[in-house]
Amino acid sequence: MEFYENRAKKPFFFFVLVGRWMKQEWRAYRTRRVLDRLSDEQLKDVGLRRSDYC
C-alpha cells in the first residue's frame, strides 16, 4: 500500500471537536454576559426571566 492509502482520514478530528466545543461554550458565556446586563423590564420584553438562563 502507498502512504496516502494507509493513513487516517481525519487524524486531527479530536481537535476539531474540542474547538467546536470551546466555540459553543464561548458563545453561551457571551450570551449570559449580555443577558446579565439587561434590566428585568428588558428581559420581560424579550420573554425571559433571570431564572431562565442562569
N, C-alpha and C. Protein backbone atom coordinates (compact mmCIF):
# COMPACT_ATOMS: atom_id res chain seq x y z
N MET A 1 0.83 -1.19 0.00
CA MET A 1 0.00 0.00 0.00
C MET A 1 0.87 1.25 0.00
N GLU A 2 0.34 2.26 -0.58
CA GLU A 2 1.01 3.54 -0.58
C GLU A 2 0.72 4.27 0.74
N PHE A 3 1.52 5.28 1.02
CA PHE A 3 1.38 6.02 2.27
C PHE A 3 0.00 6.67 2.39
N TYR A 4 -0.47 7.30 1.33
CA TYR A 4 -1.73 8.02 1.40
C TYR A 4 -2.93 7.08 1.54
N GLU A 5 -2.77 5.81 1.21
CA GLU A 5 -3.86 4.85 1.35
C GLU A 5 -3.96 4.31 2.76
N ASN A 6 -2.88 4.37 3.51
CA ASN A 6 -2.83 3.73 4.81
C ASN A 6 -3.01 4.71 5.97
N ARG A 7 -3.01 5.97 5.71
CA ARG A 7 -3.08 6.92 6.81
C ARG A 7 -4.53 7.21 7.21
N ALA A 8 -4.70 7.73 8.38
CA ALA A 8 -6.04 8.03 8.91
C ALA A 8 -6.69 9.13 8.08
N LYS A 9 -7.98 9.02 7.94
CA LYS A 9 -8.72 10.01 7.15
C LYS A 9 -8.79 11.36 7.86
N LYS A 10 -9.03 11.31 9.16
CA LYS A 10 -9.18 12.54 9.93
C LYS A 10 -8.29 12.47 11.17
N PRO A 11 -7.01 12.65 11.04
CA PRO A 11 -6.13 12.47 12.19
C PRO A 11 -6.32 13.50 13.30
N PHE A 12 -6.83 14.67 12.97
CA PHE A 12 -6.97 15.72 13.97
C PHE A 12 -8.43 16.01 14.30
N PHE A 13 -9.29 15.03 14.09
CA PHE A 13 -10.72 15.24 14.32
C PHE A 13 -11.01 15.58 15.78
N PHE A 14 -10.25 14.98 16.71
CA PHE A 14 -10.44 15.28 18.12
C PHE A 14 -10.25 16.78 18.37
N PHE A 15 -9.25 17.38 17.75
CA PHE A 15 -9.01 18.81 17.94
C PHE A 15 -10.12 19.64 17.34
N VAL A 16 -10.71 19.16 16.26
CA VAL A 16 -11.86 19.85 15.67
C VAL A 16 -13.03 19.84 16.64
N LEU A 17 -13.28 18.69 17.27
CA LEU A 17 -14.37 18.59 18.24
C LEU A 17 -14.14 19.48 19.45
N VAL A 18 -12.92 19.52 19.94
CA VAL A 18 -12.60 20.39 21.08
C VAL A 18 -12.78 21.85 20.69
N GLY A 19 -12.37 22.21 19.49
CA GLY A 19 -12.54 23.58 19.02
C GLY A 19 -14.00 23.97 18.92
N ARG A 20 -14.82 23.07 18.41
CA ARG A 20 -16.26 23.35 18.31
C ARG A 20 -16.88 23.51 19.68
N TRP A 21 -16.46 22.65 20.64
CA TRP A 21 -16.99 22.73 22.00
C TRP A 21 -16.60 24.06 22.63
N MET A 22 -15.34 24.47 22.45
CA MET A 22 -14.89 25.74 23.02
C MET A 22 -15.65 26.91 22.41
N LYS A 23 -15.90 26.86 21.12
CA LYS A 23 -16.64 27.93 20.46
C LYS A 23 -18.07 28.02 21.00
N GLN A 24 -18.70 26.86 21.19
CA GLN A 24 -20.06 26.81 21.73
C GLN A 24 -20.10 27.37 23.15
N GLU A 25 -19.15 26.97 23.98
CA GLU A 25 -19.11 27.47 25.36
C GLU A 25 -18.84 28.97 25.41
N TRP A 26 -17.99 29.47 24.53
CA TRP A 26 -17.70 30.90 24.49
C TRP A 26 -18.94 31.69 24.09
N ARG A 27 -19.69 31.19 23.12
CA ARG A 27 -20.92 31.87 22.71
C ARG A 27 -21.94 31.89 23.85
N ALA A 28 -22.07 30.78 24.57
CA ALA A 28 -23.00 30.73 25.70
C ALA A 28 -22.57 31.70 26.79
N TYR A 29 -21.27 31.80 27.06
CA TYR A 29 -20.75 32.73 28.05
C TYR A 29 -21.06 34.17 27.66
N ARG A 30 -20.82 34.51 26.40
CA ARG A 30 -21.09 35.87 25.94
C ARG A 30 -22.57 36.19 26.03
N THR A 31 -23.42 35.23 25.68
CA THR A 31 -24.87 35.44 25.74
C THR A 31 -25.31 35.69 27.17
N ARG A 32 -24.81 34.87 28.11
CA ARG A 32 -25.17 35.08 29.52
C ARG A 32 -24.68 36.43 30.01
N ARG A 33 -23.50 36.84 29.56
CA ARG A 33 -22.94 38.13 29.97
C ARG A 33 -23.83 39.28 29.48
N VAL A 34 -24.30 39.19 28.24
CA VAL A 34 -25.17 40.23 27.70
C VAL A 34 -26.50 40.24 28.43
N LEU A 35 -27.05 39.06 28.68
CA LEU A 35 -28.34 38.99 29.38
C LEU A 35 -28.24 39.52 30.81
N ASP A 36 -27.10 39.32 31.45
CA ASP A 36 -26.91 39.83 32.81
C ASP A 36 -26.97 41.35 32.85
N ARG A 37 -26.58 42.00 31.77
CA ARG A 37 -26.58 43.46 31.73
C ARG A 37 -27.97 44.05 31.51
N LEU A 38 -28.91 43.25 31.05
CA LEU A 38 -30.26 43.75 30.79
C LEU A 38 -31.04 43.89 32.09
N SER A 39 -31.93 44.85 32.12
CA SER A 39 -32.78 45.03 33.29
C SER A 39 -33.90 43.98 33.25
N ASP A 40 -34.62 43.87 34.35
CA ASP A 40 -35.73 42.92 34.41
C ASP A 40 -36.81 43.28 33.39
N GLU A 41 -37.02 44.57 33.18
CA GLU A 41 -38.03 45.00 32.20
C GLU A 41 -37.61 44.62 30.79
N GLN A 42 -36.34 44.79 30.47
CA GLN A 42 -35.86 44.43 29.14
C GLN A 42 -35.94 42.92 28.92
N LEU A 43 -35.62 42.16 29.95
CA LEU A 43 -35.73 40.71 29.83
C LEU A 43 -37.19 40.30 29.61
N LYS A 44 -38.09 40.99 30.28
CA LYS A 44 -39.51 40.68 30.11
C LYS A 44 -39.94 40.96 28.67
N ASP A 45 -39.42 42.03 28.07
CA ASP A 45 -39.73 42.33 26.67
C ASP A 45 -39.28 41.21 25.74
N VAL A 46 -38.15 40.60 26.06
CA VAL A 46 -37.62 39.51 25.25
C VAL A 46 -38.37 38.21 25.53
N GLY A 47 -39.00 38.13 26.70
CA GLY A 47 -39.73 36.93 27.08
C GLY A 47 -38.93 36.00 27.97
N LEU A 48 -38.00 36.57 28.71
CA LEU A 48 -37.16 35.78 29.60
C LEU A 48 -37.26 36.29 31.03
N ARG A 49 -36.86 35.43 31.96
CA ARG A 49 -36.68 35.81 33.35
C ARG A 49 -35.25 35.46 33.72
N ARG A 50 -34.76 36.03 34.78
CA ARG A 50 -33.38 35.76 35.20
C ARG A 50 -33.18 34.27 35.48
N SER A 51 -34.17 33.61 35.99
CA SER A 51 -34.03 32.18 36.32
C SER A 51 -34.02 31.29 35.07
N ASP A 52 -34.38 31.82 33.92
CA ASP A 52 -34.42 31.02 32.69
C ASP A 52 -33.03 30.71 32.15
N TYR A 53 -32.08 31.60 32.32
CA TYR A 53 -30.77 31.40 31.71
C TYR A 53 -29.63 31.20 32.70
N CYS A 54 -29.90 31.28 33.97
CA CYS A 54 -28.83 31.10 34.97
C CYS A 54 -28.56 29.65 35.25
